[in-house]
Every structure is written in C-alpha cells, then in structure tokens.
C-alpha cells in the first residue's frame, strides 16, 4: 500500500519540473534532487522520480532541437544580408519571419504540452497511480 507521504513526495517531484519557470535548468535539478533524496523510501517514489527526471531532460533536448530550427534560418538570413550588402533594403525577410512564427508556435505548443503533463502527472501521483510521460527518452533506467 502506498502511503500518503509517498504520494505527496512523488507529486512534489513532478511539480518540481515547473521550477524551470523560475530558474533555467531548475526544472531538471529540483526533481532530480528530490528524487535522489527520497528514492530509497519506496519503489513508487523511485519510479515516479525517474519518470519526472527523464521527461524534463527530454523536454530540454526537444527545446534545444527547436532552438536549432530557429538558429539555422537566422544565420542564413544574416549571411544573405552580409553577402548582398543591402541589409534588407529592397525586400523584407519574409522566409525568416515565417520561420520565426512557426518556431514560436512550436515553442508555445511544447510549453503548454509540458505544463499540462506535469500537472496531470502530479495529480496522478498524488492519487497513488503510476504515470508514464509520453515522448520521453529513457536517460535513467
């Protein structure tokens, strides 16, 4: 039987992922620290801690990939401006603006997806149910 303390600790580990909105990388560090300090108390806390840490690391990886999708067009745009030596006087950088909008939408969707899943996982953990995040890379097994 999973105790209320174990449920609370597992939910707290999941909620620790929201710390990224306060400090960069805190969304990984906070759940990792809580999980490391509590993982020996129960198998439930250990499993949920691994899930939360893997999910937050996966989200960081996905965010970096999305960032690269923005950086590459930006570098190409700047190099075109330098080579043409006109700095967009004749035409606006339409392709760059479109790619910026698309990447921005992807960032927003990813953030909403992540936020909802963290809340959902916290609620499930507080009810004593195991939760598996979708699209999670298993860094810690």
C-alpha atoms as a PDB file:
ATOM      1  CA  UNK A   1       0.000   0.000   0.000  1.00  0.00           C
ATOM      2  CA  UNK A   2       1.325   3.410  -0.969  1.00  0.00           C
ATOM      3  CA  UNK A   3       1.292   5.854   1.938  1.00  0.00           C
ATOM      4  CA  UNK A   4       0.071   9.430   1.699  1.00  0.00           C
ATOM      5  CA  UNK A   5       3.632  10.637   2.324  1.00  0.00           C
ATOM      6  CA  UNK A   6       4.888   8.642  -0.670  1.00  0.00           C
ATOM      7  CA  UNK A   7       2.098  10.061  -2.852  1.00  0.00           C
ATOM      8  CA  UNK A   8       2.934  13.602  -1.739  1.00  0.00           C
ATOM      9  CA  UNK A   9       6.641  13.131  -2.383  1.00  0.00           C
ATOM     10  CA  UNK A  10       6.002  11.704  -5.863  1.00  0.00           C
ATOM     11  CA  UNK A  11       3.662  14.597  -6.691  1.00  0.00           C
ATOM     12  CA  UNK A  12       6.258  17.069  -5.419  1.00  0.00           C
ATOM     13  CA  UNK A  13       8.892  15.504  -7.671  1.00  0.00           C
ATOM     14  CA  UNK A  14       6.638  16.003 -10.691  1.00  0.00           C
ATOM     15  CA  UNK A  15       5.753  19.561  -9.668  1.00  0.00           C
ATOM     16  CA  UNK A  16       9.471  20.297  -9.341  1.00  0.00           C
ATOM     17  CA  UNK A  17       9.571  20.366 -13.143  1.00  0.00           C
ATOM     18  CA  UNK A  18       7.738  23.696 -13.018  1.00  0.00           C
ATOM     19  CA  UNK A  19      10.778  25.245 -11.332  1.00  0.00           C
ATOM     20  CA  UNK A  20      12.145  25.853 -14.832  1.00  0.00           C
ATOM     21  CA  UNK A  21       9.855  28.872 -14.964  1.00  0.00           C
ATOM     22  CA  UNK A  22      11.830  30.395 -12.064  1.00  0.00           C
ATOM     23  CA  UNK A  23      15.443  29.456 -12.908  1.00  0.00           C
ATOM     24  CA  UNK A  24      16.957  27.878 -16.027  1.00  0.00           C
ATOM     25  CA  UNK A  25      17.635  24.138 -15.595  1.00  0.00           C
ATOM     26  CA  UNK A  26      15.778  24.125 -12.253  1.00  0.00           C
ATOM     27  CA  UNK A  27      13.122  22.004 -13.947  1.00  0.00           C
ATOM     28  CA  UNK A  28      15.691  19.220 -14.068  1.00  0.00           C
ATOM     29  CA  UNK A  29      17.668  19.976 -10.909  1.00  0.00           C
ATOM     30  CA  UNK A  30      14.738  20.270  -8.475  1.00  0.00           C
ATOM     31  CA  UNK A  31      13.062  16.936  -9.392  1.00  0.00           C
ATOM     32  CA  UNK A  32      16.482  15.274  -9.518  1.00  0.00           C
ATOM     33  CA  UNK A  33      17.405  16.462  -6.019  1.00  0.00           C
ATOM     34  CA  UNK A  34      14.050  15.497  -4.513  1.00  0.00           C
ATOM     35  CA  UNK A  35      14.126  12.109  -6.237  1.00  0.00           C
ATOM     36  CA  UNK A  36      17.710  11.440  -5.116  1.00  0.00           C
ATOM     37  CA  UNK A  37      16.877  12.246  -1.507  1.00  0.00           C
ATOM     38  CA  UNK A  38      13.624  10.209  -1.434  1.00  0.00           C
ATOM     39  CA  UNK A  39      14.140   7.349  -3.896  1.00  0.00           C
ATOM     40  CA  UNK A  40      15.191   4.841  -1.235  1.00  0.00           C
ATOM     41  CA  UNK A  41      11.963   5.365   0.701  1.00  0.00           C
ATOM     42  CA  UNK A  42       9.752   3.494  -1.759  1.00  0.00           C
ATOM     43  CA  UNK A  43       9.614   1.905  -5.182  1.00  0.00           C
ATOM     44  CA  UNK A  44       6.738   4.244  -6.132  1.00  0.00           C
ATOM     45  CA  UNK A  45       8.816   7.370  -5.449  1.00  0.00           C
ATOM     46  CA  UNK A  46      11.764   5.860  -7.315  1.00  0.00           C
ATOM     47  CA  UNK A  47       9.700   5.069 -10.432  1.00  0.00           C
ATOM     48  CA  UNK A  48       7.934   8.417 -10.471  1.00  0.00           C
ATOM     49  CA  UNK A  49      11.197  10.266  -9.878  1.00  0.00           C
ATOM     50  CA  UNK A  50      12.817   8.557 -12.840  1.00  0.00           C
ATOM     51  CA  UNK A  51       9.807   9.391 -14.995  1.00  0.00           C
ATOM     52  CA  UNK A  52       9.860  13.050 -13.986  1.00  0.00           C
ATOM     53  CA  UNK A  53      13.609  13.491 -14.456  1.00  0.00           C
ATOM     54  CA  UNK A  54      13.598  11.665 -17.813  1.00  0.00           C
ATOM     55  CA  UNK A  55      10.676  13.774 -19.003  1.00  0.00           C
ATOM     56  CA  UNK A  56      12.289  17.060 -18.019  1.00  0.00           C
ATOM     57  CA  UNK A  57      15.591  16.122 -19.653  1.00  0.00           C
ATOM     58  CA  UNK A  58      13.674  15.040 -22.778  1.00  0.00           C
ATOM     59  CA  UNK A  59      11.866  18.386 -22.884  1.00  0.00           C
ATOM     60  CA  UNK A  60      15.217  20.176 -22.642  1.00  0.00           C
ATOM     61  CA  UNK A  61      16.522  18.133 -25.579  1.00  0.00           C
ATOM     62  CA  UNK A  62      13.399  18.892 -27.612  1.00  0.00           C
ATOM     63  CA  UNK A  63      13.703  22.595 -26.771  1.00  0.00           C
ATOM     64  CA  UNK A  64      17.319  22.617 -27.948  1.00  0.00           C
ATOM     65  CA  UNK A  65      16.310  20.959 -31.205  1.00  0.00           C
ATOM     66  CA  UNK A  66      13.552  23.515 -31.745  1.00  0.00           C
ATOM     67  CA  UNK A  67      16.060  26.277 -30.994  1.00  0.00           C
ATOM     68  CA  UNK A  68      18.332  24.918 -33.710  1.00  0.00           C
ATOM     69  CA  UNK A  69      15.401  25.107 -36.112  1.00  0.00           C
ATOM     70  CA  UNK A  70      15.318  28.837 -35.418  1.00  0.00           C
ATOM     71  CA  UNK A  71      19.076  29.472 -35.349  1.00  0.00           C
ATOM     72  CA  UNK A  72      19.805  27.947 -38.758  1.00  0.00           C
ATOM     73  CA  UNK A  73      17.399  30.205 -40.714  1.00  0.00           C
ATOM     74  CA  UNK A  74      18.605  33.185 -38.685  1.00  0.00           C
ATOM     75  CA  UNK A  75      22.249  32.519 -39.601  1.00  0.00           C
ATOM     76  CA  UNK A  76      21.302  32.041 -43.256  1.00  0.00           C
ATOM     77  CA  UNK A  77      19.357  35.284 -43.215  1.00  0.00           C
ATOM     78  CA  UNK A  78      22.244  37.233 -41.700  1.00  0.00           C
ATOM     79  CA  UNK A  79      24.745  35.705 -44.129  1.00  0.00           C
ATOM     80  CA  UNK A  80      22.493  36.632 -47.076  1.00  0.00           C
ATOM     81  CA  UNK A  81      22.250  40.202 -45.812  1.00  0.00           C
ATOM     82  CA  UNK A  82      26.018  40.459 -45.455  1.00  0.00           C
ATOM     83  CA  UNK A  83      26.674  38.953 -48.881  1.00  0.00           C
ATOM     84  CA  UNK A  84      24.069  41.109 -50.594  1.00  0.00           C
ATOM     85  CA  UNK A  85      25.250  44.131 -48.637  1.00  0.00           C
ATOM     86  CA  UNK A  86      21.785  45.621 -48.679  1.00  0.00           C
ATOM     87  CA  UNK A  87      20.564  44.674 -45.193  1.00  0.00           C
ATOM     88  CA  UNK A  88      17.017  44.032 -46.445  1.00  0.00           C
ATOM     89  CA  UNK A  89      16.500  47.466 -48.036  1.00  0.00           C
ATOM     90  CA  UNK A  90      14.653  46.120 -51.077  1.00  0.00           C
ATOM     91  CA  UNK A  91      12.632  43.321 -49.521  1.00  0.00           C
ATOM     92  CA  UNK A  92      11.634  42.178 -46.048  1.00  0.00           C
ATOM     93  CA  UNK A  93      12.954  38.800 -44.871  1.00  0.00           C
ATOM     94  CA  UNK A  94       9.637  37.010 -45.420  1.00  0.00           C
ATOM     95  CA  UNK A  95      11.078  33.492 -45.120  1.00  0.00           C
ATOM     96  CA  UNK A  96      12.695  34.375 -41.831  1.00  0.00           C
ATOM     97  CA  UNK A  97       9.508  35.936 -40.465  1.00  0.00           C
ATOM     98  CA  UNK A  98       7.500  32.857 -41.441  1.00  0.00           C
ATOM     99  CA  UNK A  99      10.042  30.502 -39.872  1.00  0.00           C
ATOM    100  CA  UNK A 100      10.112  32.657 -36.737  1.00  0.00           C
ATOM    101  CA  UNK A 101       6.318  32.432 -36.434  1.00  0.00           C
ATOM    102  CA  UNK A 102       6.329  28.660 -36.999  1.00  0.00           C
ATOM    103  CA  UNK A 103       9.099  28.066 -34.444  1.00  0.00           C
ATOM    104  CA  UNK A 104       7.337  30.383 -31.997  1.00  0.00           C
ATOM    105  CA  UNK A 105       4.120  28.402 -32.331  1.00  0.00           C
ATOM    106  CA  UNK A 106       6.051  25.154 -31.811  1.00  0.00           C
ATOM    107  CA  UNK A 107       7.642  26.603 -28.644  1.00  0.00           C
ATOM    108  CA  UNK A 108       4.253  27.645 -27.284  1.00  0.00           C
ATOM    109  CA  UNK A 109       2.667  24.265 -28.047  1.00  0.00           C
ATOM    110  CA  UNK A 110       5.599  22.448 -26.443  1.00  0.00           C
ATOM    111  CA  UNK A 111       5.398  24.606 -23.312  1.00  0.00           C
ATOM    112  CA  UNK A 112       1.650  24.097 -22.946  1.00  0.00           C
ATOM    113  CA  UNK A 113       2.057  20.349 -23.549  1.00  0.00           C
ATOM    114  CA  UNK A 114       4.807  20.161 -20.921  1.00  0.00           C
ATOM    115  CA  UNK A 115       2.885  22.221 -18.350  1.00  0.00           C
ATOM    116  CA  UNK A 116      -0.300  20.169 -18.732  1.00  0.00           C
ATOM    117  CA  UNK A 117       1.570  16.873 -18.493  1.00  0.00           C
ATOM    118  CA  UNK A 118       3.422  17.950 -15.338  1.00  0.00           C
ATOM    119  CA  UNK A 119       0.148  18.939 -13.657  1.00  0.00           C
ATOM    120  CA  UNK A 120      -1.541  15.739 -14.830  1.00  0.00           C
ATOM    121  CA  UNK A 121       1.369  13.593 -13.594  1.00  0.00           C
ATOM    122  CA  UNK A 122       1.324  15.361 -10.224  1.00  0.00           C
ATOM    123  CA  UNK A 123      -2.382  14.687  -9.790  1.00  0.00           C
ATOM    124  CA  UNK A 124      -1.955  11.033 -10.765  1.00  0.00           C
ATOM    125  CA  UNK A 125       0.984  10.626  -8.381  1.00  0.00           C
ATOM    126  CA  UNK A 126      -0.973  12.250  -5.554  1.00  0.00           C
ATOM    127  CA  UNK A 127      -3.665   9.617  -6.168  1.00  0.00           C
ATOM    128  CA  UNK A 128      -1.049   6.853  -5.945  1.00  0.00           C
ATOM    129  CA  UNK A 129      -1.137   5.970  -9.641  1.00  0.00           C
ATOM    130  CA  UNK A 130       1.969   5.387 -11.726  1.00  0.00           C
ATOM    131  CA  UNK A 131       2.250   7.887 -14.549  1.00  0.00           C
ATOM    132  CA  UNK A 132       4.310   7.490 -17.703  1.00  0.00           C
ATOM    133  CA  UNK A 133       5.006  10.628 -19.713  1.00  0.00           C
ATOM    134  CA  UNK A 134       4.624  10.304 -23.484  1.00  0.00           C
ATOM    135  CA  UNK A 135       7.553  11.141 -25.796  1.00  0.00           C
ATOM    136  CA  UNK A 136      10.068  10.553 -23.008  1.00  0.00           C
ATOM    137  CA  UNK A 137      13.597   9.403 -23.715  1.00  0.00           C
ATOM    138  CA  UNK A 138      14.772   6.966 -21.041  1.00  0.00           C
ATOM    139  CA  UNK A 139      18.045   8.528 -19.894  1.00  0.00           C
ATOM    140  CA  UNK A 140      17.739   6.974 -16.427  1.00  0.00           C
ATOM    141  CA  UNK A 141      16.526   3.368 -16.319  1.00  0.00           C
END
